[in-house]
């Protein structure tokens, strides 16, 4: 593992998550990490990747709200016209 590596605590701080949530992400294979001794080490590049592909927070929209948003959204204008 080349480059900067972070502990679970450091990764949790950068991701604004709890240590337990970071450990759960590692166990589920959603966050790449290597066990060295009794510690998980997480590449800093993995934290950057996770931030770039993070899911929106909060509850999903209700179907009626999602349809209303979709129906009232403006379509991109075509410059080929």
PDB file of N, CA and C in Angstrom:
ATOM      1  N   UNK A   1       0.860  -1.175   0.000  1.00  0.00           N
ATOM      2  CA  UNK A   1       0.000   0.000   0.000  1.00  0.00           C
ATOM      3  C   UNK A   1       0.896   1.224   0.000  1.00  0.00           C
ATOM      4  N   UNK A   2       0.953   1.921  -1.138  1.00  0.00           N
ATOM      5  CA  UNK A   2       1.800   3.097  -1.260  1.00  0.00           C
ATOM      6  C   UNK A   2       0.993   4.356  -0.957  1.00  0.00           C
ATOM      7  N   UNK A   3       1.704   5.421  -0.587  1.00  0.00           N
ATOM      8  CA  UNK A   3       1.023   6.688  -0.323  1.00  0.00           C
ATOM      9  C   UNK A   3       0.561   6.804   1.119  1.00  0.00           C
ATOM     10  N   UNK A   4      -0.171   7.864   1.374  1.00  0.00           N
ATOM     11  CA  UNK A   4      -0.668   8.148   2.720  1.00  0.00           C
ATOM     12  C   UNK A   4      -1.735   7.133   3.136  1.00  0.00           C
ATOM     13  N   UNK A   5      -1.620   6.656   4.358  1.00  0.00           N
ATOM     14  CA  UNK A   5      -2.633   5.750   4.903  1.00  0.00           C
ATOM     15  C   UNK A   5      -3.196   6.351   6.182  1.00  0.00           C
ATOM     16  N   UNK A   6      -4.453   6.004   6.456  1.00  0.00           N
ATOM     17  CA  UNK A   6      -5.155   6.563   7.606  1.00  0.00           C
ATOM     18  C   UNK A   6      -5.644   5.450   8.518  1.00  0.00           C
ATOM     19  N   UNK A   7      -5.757   5.764   9.782  1.00  0.00           N
ATOM     20  CA  UNK A   7      -6.377   4.850  10.739  1.00  0.00           C
ATOM     21  C   UNK A   7      -7.889   4.964  10.590  1.00  0.00           C
ATOM     22  N   UNK A   8      -8.608   4.079  11.245  1.00  0.00           N
ATOM     23  CA  UNK A   8     -10.067   4.136  11.219  1.00  0.00           C
ATOM     24  C   UNK A   8     -10.545   5.470  11.789  1.00  0.00           C
ATOM     25  N   UNK A   9      -9.941   5.920  12.865  1.00  0.00           N
ATOM     26  CA  UNK A   9     -10.344   7.200  13.475  1.00  0.00           C
ATOM     27  C   UNK A   9     -10.120   8.373  12.532  1.00  0.00           C
ATOM     28  N   UNK A  10      -8.961   8.391  11.863  1.00  0.00           N
ATOM     29  CA  UNK A  10      -8.672   9.473  10.922  1.00  0.00           C
ATOM     30  C   UNK A  10      -9.636   9.444   9.729  1.00  0.00           C
ATOM     31  N   UNK A  11      -9.913   8.245   9.227  1.00  0.00           N
ATOM     32  CA  UNK A  11     -10.850   8.107   8.118  1.00  0.00           C
ATOM     33  C   UNK A  11     -12.244   8.563   8.543  1.00  0.00           C
ATOM     34  N   UNK A  12     -12.654   8.185   9.736  1.00  0.00           N
ATOM     35  CA  UNK A  12     -13.970   8.588  10.244  1.00  0.00           C
ATOM     36  C   UNK A  12     -14.068  10.105  10.321  1.00  0.00           C
ATOM     37  N   UNK A  13     -13.013  10.738  10.785  1.00  0.00           N
ATOM     38  CA  UNK A  13     -13.004  12.199  10.888  1.00  0.00           C
ATOM     39  C   UNK A  13     -13.134  12.833   9.506  1.00  0.00           C
ATOM     40  N   UNK A  14     -12.372  12.349   8.528  1.00  0.00           N
ATOM     41  CA  UNK A  14     -12.413  12.918   7.180  1.00  0.00           C
ATOM     42  C   UNK A  14     -13.753  12.684   6.488  1.00  0.00           C
ATOM     43  N   UNK A  15     -14.387  11.541   6.784  1.00  0.00           N
ATOM     44  CA  UNK A  15     -15.660  11.215   6.150  1.00  0.00           C
ATOM     45  C   UNK A  15     -16.866  11.730   6.932  1.00  0.00           C
ATOM     46  N   UNK A  16     -16.621  12.300   8.120  1.00  0.00           N
ATOM     47  CA  UNK A  16     -17.691  12.772   9.003  1.00  0.00           C
ATOM     48  C   UNK A  16     -18.617  11.617   9.388  1.00  0.00           C
ATOM     49  N   UNK A  17     -18.006  10.488   9.723  1.00  0.00           N
ATOM     50  CA  UNK A  17     -18.734   9.296  10.152  1.00  0.00           C
ATOM     51  C   UNK A  17     -18.187   8.839  11.484  1.00  0.00           C
ATOM     52  N   UNK A  18     -18.896   7.915  12.116  1.00  0.00           N
ATOM     53  CA  UNK A  18     -18.384   7.325  13.358  1.00  0.00           C
ATOM     54  C   UNK A  18     -17.361   6.240  13.018  1.00  0.00           C
ATOM     55  N   UNK A  19     -16.530   5.902  13.980  1.00  0.00           N
ATOM     56  CA  UNK A  19     -15.563   4.812  13.795  1.00  0.00           C
ATOM     57  C   UNK A  19     -16.296   3.515  13.457  1.00  0.00           C
ATOM     58  N   UNK A  20     -17.427   3.288  14.118  1.00  0.00           N
ATOM     59  CA  UNK A  20     -18.196   2.061  13.901  1.00  0.00           C
ATOM     60  C   UNK A  20     -18.699   1.985  12.465  1.00  0.00           C
ATOM     61  N   UNK A  21     -19.138   3.122  11.919  1.00  0.00           N
ATOM     62  CA  UNK A  21     -19.635   3.132  10.536  1.00  0.00           C
ATOM     63  C   UNK A  21     -18.510   2.846   9.553  1.00  0.00           C
ATOM     64  N   UNK A  22     -17.319   3.397   9.796  1.00  0.00           N
ATOM     65  CA  UNK A  22     -16.168   3.140   8.925  1.00  0.00           C
ATOM     66  C   UNK A  22     -15.809   1.660   8.984  1.00  0.00           C
ATOM     67  N   UNK A  23     -15.805   1.067  10.183  1.00  0.00           N
ATOM     68  CA  UNK A  23     -15.510  -0.355  10.317  1.00  0.00           C
ATOM     69  C   UNK A  23     -16.555  -1.196   9.586  1.00  0.00           C
ATOM     70  N   UNK A  24     -17.817  -0.786   9.629  1.00  0.00           N
ATOM     71  CA  UNK A  24     -18.877  -1.508   8.919  1.00  0.00           C
ATOM     72  C   UNK A  24     -18.657  -1.415   7.404  1.00  0.00           C
ATOM     73  N   UNK A  25     -18.254  -0.259   6.903  1.00  0.00           N
ATOM     74  CA  UNK A  25     -17.978  -0.104   5.482  1.00  0.00           C
ATOM     75  C   UNK A  25     -16.832  -1.013   5.041  1.00  0.00           C
ATOM     76  N   UNK A  26     -15.834  -1.143   5.890  1.00  0.00           N
ATOM     77  CA  UNK A  26     -14.700  -2.030   5.601  1.00  0.00           C
ATOM     78  C   UNK A  26     -15.180  -3.479   5.554  1.00  0.00           C
ATOM     79  N   UNK A  27     -15.946  -3.885   6.561  1.00  0.00           N
ATOM     80  CA  UNK A  27     -16.438  -5.277   6.615  1.00  0.00           C
ATOM     81  C   UNK A  27     -17.299  -5.619   5.407  1.00  0.00           C
ATOM     82  N   UNK A  28     -18.100  -4.671   4.941  1.00  0.00           N
ATOM     83  CA  UNK A  28     -18.996  -4.912   3.803  1.00  0.00           C
ATOM     84  C   UNK A  28     -18.280  -4.789   2.460  1.00  0.00           C
ATOM     85  N   UNK A  29     -17.010  -4.407   2.489  1.00  0.00           N
ATOM     86  CA  UNK A  29     -16.243  -4.280   1.252  1.00  0.00           C
ATOM     87  C   UNK A  29     -16.491  -2.984   0.506  1.00  0.00           C
ATOM     88  N   UNK A  30     -17.097  -2.014   1.161  1.00  0.00           N
ATOM     89  CA  UNK A  30     -17.392  -0.733   0.529  1.00  0.00           C
ATOM     90  C   UNK A  30     -16.271   0.282   0.703  1.00  0.00           C
ATOM     91  N   UNK A  31     -15.322  -0.039   1.561  1.00  0.00           N
ATOM     92  CA  UNK A  31     -14.171   0.823   1.800  1.00  0.00           C
ATOM     93  C   UNK A  31     -12.954  -0.093   1.878  1.00  0.00           C
ATOM     94  N   UNK A  32     -12.021   0.083   0.949  1.00  0.00           N
ATOM     95  CA  UNK A  32     -10.841  -0.778   0.891  1.00  0.00           C
ATOM     96  C   UNK A  32      -9.892  -0.430   2.037  1.00  0.00           C
ATOM     97  N   UNK A  33      -9.426  -1.458   2.715  1.00  0.00           N
ATOM     98  CA  UNK A  33      -8.483  -1.270   3.817  1.00  0.00           C
ATOM     99  C   UNK A  33      -7.670  -2.545   3.974  1.00  0.00           C
ATOM    100  N   UNK A  34      -6.505  -2.428   4.590  1.00  0.00           N
ATOM    101  CA  UNK A  34      -5.649  -3.572   4.859  1.00  0.00           C
ATOM    102  C   UNK A  34      -5.425  -3.682   6.355  1.00  0.00           C
ATOM    103  N   UNK A  35      -5.491  -4.913   6.849  1.00  0.00           N
ATOM    104  CA  UNK A  35      -5.231  -5.160   8.264  1.00  0.00           C
ATOM    105  C   UNK A  35      -3.718  -5.316   8.441  1.00  0.00           C
ATOM    106  N   UNK A  36      -3.146  -4.490   9.278  1.00  0.00           N
ATOM    107  CA  UNK A  36      -1.725  -4.556   9.592  1.00  0.00           C
ATOM    108  C   UNK A  36      -1.634  -4.707  11.103  1.00  0.00           C
ATOM    109  N   UNK A  37      -1.214  -5.884  11.539  1.00  0.00           N
ATOM    110  CA  UNK A  37      -1.242  -6.176  12.967  1.00  0.00           C
ATOM    111  C   UNK A  37      -2.686  -6.274  13.409  1.00  0.00           C
ATOM    112  N   UNK A  38      -3.067  -5.426  14.336  1.00  0.00           N
ATOM    113  CA  UNK A  38      -4.452  -5.395  14.818  1.00  0.00           C
ATOM    114  C   UNK A  38      -5.168  -4.111  14.403  1.00  0.00           C
ATOM    115  N   UNK A  39      -4.617  -3.429  13.381  1.00  0.00           N
ATOM    116  CA  UNK A  39      -5.185  -2.148  12.969  1.00  0.00           C
ATOM    117  C   UNK A  39      -5.539  -2.163  11.488  1.00  0.00           C
ATOM    118  N   UNK A  40      -6.646  -1.526  11.146  1.00  0.00           N
ATOM    119  CA  UNK A  40      -6.997  -1.306   9.761  1.00  0.00           C
ATOM    120  C   UNK A  40      -6.284  -0.052   9.279  1.00  0.00           C
ATOM    121  N   UNK A  41      -5.675  -0.131   8.099  1.00  0.00           N
ATOM    122  CA  UNK A  41      -5.074   1.038   7.467  1.00  0.00           C
ATOM    123  C   UNK A  41      -5.788   1.274   6.140  1.00  0.00           C
ATOM    124  N   UNK A  42      -6.240   2.481   5.943  1.00  0.00           N
ATOM    125  CA  UNK A  42      -7.069   2.845   4.794  1.00  0.00           C
ATOM    126  C   UNK A  42      -6.290   3.836   3.939  1.00  0.00           C
ATOM    127  N   UNK A  43      -6.124   3.539   2.647  1.00  0.00           N
ATOM    128  CA  UNK A  43      -5.431   4.503   1.778  1.00  0.00           C
ATOM    129  C   UNK A  43      -6.208   5.818   1.698  1.00  0.00           C
ATOM    130  N   UNK A  44      -5.487   6.930   1.760  1.00  0.00           N
ATOM    131  CA  UNK A  44      -6.140   8.241   1.671  1.00  0.00           C
ATOM    132  C   UNK A  44      -6.882   8.373   0.344  1.00  0.00           C
ATOM    133  N   UNK A  45      -6.367   7.743  -0.708  1.00  0.00           N
ATOM    134  CA  UNK A  45      -7.044   7.807  -2.008  1.00  0.00           C
ATOM    135  C   UNK A  45      -8.417   7.141  -1.949  1.00  0.00           C
ATOM    136  N   UNK A  46      -8.586   6.166  -1.074  1.00  0.00           N
ATOM    137  CA  UNK A  46      -9.875   5.498  -0.904  1.00  0.00           C
ATOM    138  C   UNK A  46     -10.886   6.449  -0.263  1.00  0.00           C
ATOM    139  N   UNK A  47     -10.421   7.302   0.628  1.00  0.00           N
ATOM    140  CA  UNK A  47     -11.291   8.302   1.261  1.00  0.00           C
ATOM    141  C   UNK A  47     -11.733   9.311   0.205  1.00  0.00           C
ATOM    142  N   UNK A  48     -10.796   9.747  -0.639  1.00  0.00           N
ATOM    143  CA  UNK A  48     -11.135  10.690  -1.708  1.00  0.00           C
ATOM    144  C   UNK A  48     -12.165  10.081  -2.655  1.00  0.00           C
ATOM    145  N   UNK A  49     -11.985   8.805  -3.006  1.00  0.00           N
ATOM    146  CA  UNK A  49     -12.925   8.119  -3.889  1.00  0.00           C
ATOM    147  C   UNK A  49     -14.296   8.052  -3.245  1.00  0.00           C
ATOM    148  N   UNK A  50     -14.336   7.741  -1.971  1.00  0.00           N
ATOM    149  CA  UNK A  50     -15.604   7.613  -1.255  1.00  0.00           C
ATOM    150  C   UNK A  50     -16.343   8.952  -1.205  1.00  0.00           C
ATOM    151  N   UNK A  51     -15.606  10.029  -1.021  1.00  0.00           N
ATOM    152  CA  UNK A  51     -16.223  11.354  -0.970  1.00  0.00           C
ATOM    153  C   UNK A  51     -16.823  11.709  -2.334  1.00  0.00           C
ATOM    154  N   UNK A  52     -16.123  11.352  -3.416  1.00  0.00           N
ATOM    155  CA  UNK A  52     -16.600  11.683  -4.755  1.00  0.00           C
ATOM    156  C   UNK A  52     -17.856  10.909  -5.150  1.00  0.00           C
ATOM    157  N   UNK A  53     -18.020   9.707  -4.623  1.00  0.00           N
ATOM    158  CA  UNK A  53     -19.174   8.883  -5.009  1.00  0.00           C
ATOM    159  C   UNK A  53     -20.173   8.731  -3.874  1.00  0.00           C
ATOM    160  N   UNK A  54     -20.126   9.633  -2.907  1.00  0.00           N
ATOM    161  CA  UNK A  54     -21.005   9.487  -1.754  1.00  0.00           C
ATOM    162  C   UNK A  54     -22.465   9.638  -2.147  1.00  0.00           C
ATOM    163  N   UNK A  55     -23.304   8.955  -1.439  1.00  0.00           N
ATOM    164  CA  UNK A  55     -24.742   8.971  -1.652  1.00  0.00           C
ATOM    165  C   UNK A  55     -25.342  10.221  -1.018  1.00  0.00           C
ATOM    166  N   UNK A  56     -26.403  10.762  -1.607  1.00  0.00           N
ATOM    167  CA  UNK A  56     -27.066  11.889  -0.955  1.00  0.00           C
ATOM    168  C   UNK A  56     -27.654  11.449   0.382  1.00  0.00           C
ATOM    169  N   UNK A  57     -27.635  12.325   1.326  1.00  0.00           N
ATOM    170  CA  UNK A  57     -28.147  11.995   2.662  1.00  0.00           C
ATOM    171  C   UNK A  57     -29.629  12.281   2.751  1.00  0.00           C
ATOM    172  N   UNK A  58     -30.261  11.676   3.728  1.00  0.00           N
ATOM    173  CA  UNK A  58     -31.672  11.912   3.959  1.00  0.00           C
ATOM    174  C   UNK A  58     -32.535  10.803   3.391  1.00  0.00           C
ATOM    175  N   UNK A  59     -33.810  10.934   3.636  1.00  0.00           N
ATOM    176  CA  UNK A  59     -34.744   9.935   3.137  1.00  0.00           C
ATOM    177  C   UNK A  59     -34.988  10.124   1.650  1.00  0.00           C
ATOM    178  N   UNK A  60     -35.273   9.031   0.946  1.00  0.00           N
ATOM    179  CA  UNK A  60     -35.607   9.181  -0.468  1.00  0.00           C
ATOM    180  C   UNK A  60     -36.948   9.894  -0.640  1.00  0.00           C
ATOM    181  N   UNK A  61     -37.151  10.477  -1.798  1.00  0.00           N
ATOM    182  CA  UNK A  61     -38.414  11.168  -2.070  1.00  0.00           C
ATOM    183  C   UNK A  61     -39.571  10.172  -2.134  1.00  0.00           C
ATOM    184  N   UNK A  62     -40.731  10.647  -1.768  1.00  0.00           N
ATOM    185  CA  UNK A  62     -41.943   9.867  -1.968  1.00  0.00           C
ATOM    186  C   UNK A  62     -42.205   9.800  -3.473  1.00  0.00           C
ATOM    187  N   UNK A  63     -42.819   8.738  -3.981  1.00  0.00           N
ATOM    188  CA  UNK A  63     -43.057   8.626  -5.422  1.00  0.00           C
ATOM    189  C   UNK A  63     -43.762   9.837  -6.024  1.00  0.00           C
ATOM    190  N   UNK A  64     -44.782  10.350  -5.352  1.00  0.00           N
ATOM    191  CA  UNK A  64     -45.517  11.502  -5.890  1.00  0.00           C
ATOM    192  C   UNK A  64     -44.600  12.720  -6.016  1.00  0.00           C
ATOM    193  N   UNK A  65     -43.733  12.929  -5.039  1.00  0.00           N
ATOM    194  CA  UNK A  65     -42.803  14.057  -5.074  1.00  0.00           C
ATOM    195  C   UNK A  65     -41.789  13.869  -6.194  1.00  0.00           C
ATOM    196  N   UNK A  66     -41.271  12.667  -6.348  1.00  0.00           N
ATOM    197  CA  UNK A  66     -40.287  12.385  -7.395  1.00  0.00           C
ATOM    198  C   UNK A  66     -40.888  12.621  -8.776  1.00  0.00           C
ATOM    199  N   UNK A  67     -42.120  12.156  -8.991  1.00  0.00           N
ATOM    200  CA  UNK A  67     -42.778  12.373 -10.285  1.00  0.00           C
ATOM    201  C   UNK A  67     -43.025  13.857 -10.534  1.00  0.00           C
ATOM    202  N   UNK A  68     -43.449  14.574  -9.503  1.00  0.00           N
ATOM    203  CA  UNK A  68     -43.700  16.011  -9.658  1.00  0.00           C
ATOM    204  C   UNK A  68     -42.399  16.726 -10.047  1.00  0.00           C
ATOM    205  N   UNK A  69     -41.304  16.370  -9.389  1.00  0.00           N
ATOM    206  CA  UNK A  69     -40.003  16.970  -9.715  1.00  0.00           C
ATOM    207  C   UNK A  69     -39.607  16.653 -11.155  1.00  0.00           C
ATOM    208  N   UNK A  70     -39.802  15.395 -11.554  1.00  0.00           N
ATOM    209  CA  UNK A  70     -39.432  14.980 -12.910  1.00  0.00           C
ATOM    210  C   UNK A  70     -40.277  15.696 -13.959  1.00  0.00           C
ATOM    211  N   UNK A  71     -41.562  15.860 -13.695  1.00  0.00           N
ATOM    212  CA  UNK A  71     -42.463  16.463 -14.670  1.00  0.00           C
ATOM    213  C   UNK A  71     -42.271  17.977 -14.797  1.00  0.00           C
ATOM    214  N   UNK A  72     -41.779  18.622 -13.752  1.00  0.00           N
ATOM    215  CA  UNK A  72     -41.605  20.070 -13.797  1.00  0.00           C
ATOM    216  C   UNK A  72     -40.168  20.483 -14.111  1.00  0.00           C
ATOM    217  N   UNK A  73     -39.275  19.516 -14.250  1.00  0.00           N
ATOM    218  CA  UNK A  73     -37.871  19.825 -14.550  1.00  0.00           C
ATOM    219  C   UNK A  73     -37.761  20.372 -15.965  1.00  0.00           C
ATOM    220  N   UNK A  74     -36.861  21.313 -16.161  1.00  0.00           N
ATOM    221  CA  UNK A  74     -36.652  21.871 -17.486  1.00  0.00           C
ATOM    222  C   UNK A  74     -35.741  20.950 -18.267  1.00  0.00           C
ATOM    223  N   UNK A  75     -36.084  20.734 -19.520  1.00  0.00           N
ATOM    224  CA  UNK A  75     -35.242  19.927 -20.392  1.00  0.00           C
ATOM    225  C   UNK A  75     -34.094  20.782 -20.904  1.00  0.00           C
ATOM    226  N   UNK A  76     -32.920  20.169 -21.098  1.00  0.00           N
ATOM    227  CA  UNK A  76     -31.803  20.961 -21.632  1.00  0.00           C
ATOM    228  C   UNK A  76     -32.117  21.439 -23.049  1.00  0.00           C
ATOM    229  N   UNK A  77     -31.731  22.660 -23.327  1.00  0.00           N
ATOM    230  CA  UNK A  77     -31.993  23.194 -24.673  1.00  0.00           C
ATOM    231  C   UNK A  77     -31.005  22.591 -25.651  1.00  0.00           C
ATOM    232  N   UNK A  78     -31.469  22.344 -26.866  1.00  0.00           N
ATOM    233  CA  UNK A  78     -30.636  21.754 -27.904  1.00  0.00           C
ATOM    234  C   UNK A  78     -30.059  22.884 -28.748  1.00  0.00           C
ATOM    235  N   UNK A  79     -28.755  22.901 -28.880  1.00  0.00           N
ATOM    236  CA  UNK A  79     -28.111  23.941 -29.689  1.00  0.00           C
ATOM    237  C   UNK A  79     -28.118  23.590 -31.174  1.00  0.00           C
ATOM    238  N   UNK A  80     -28.520  22.330 -31.503  1.00  0.00           N
ATOM    239  CA  UNK A  80     -28.537  21.891 -32.894  1.00  0.00           C
ATOM    240  C   UNK A  80     -29.742  22.421 -33.651  1.00  0.00           C
ATOM    241  N   UNK A  81     -30.754  22.943 -32.956  1.00  0.00           N
ATOM    242  CA  UNK A  81     -31.980  23.424 -33.616  1.00  0.00           C
ATOM    243  C   UNK A  81     -31.722  24.597 -34.477  1.00  0.00           C
TER     244      UNK A  81
END
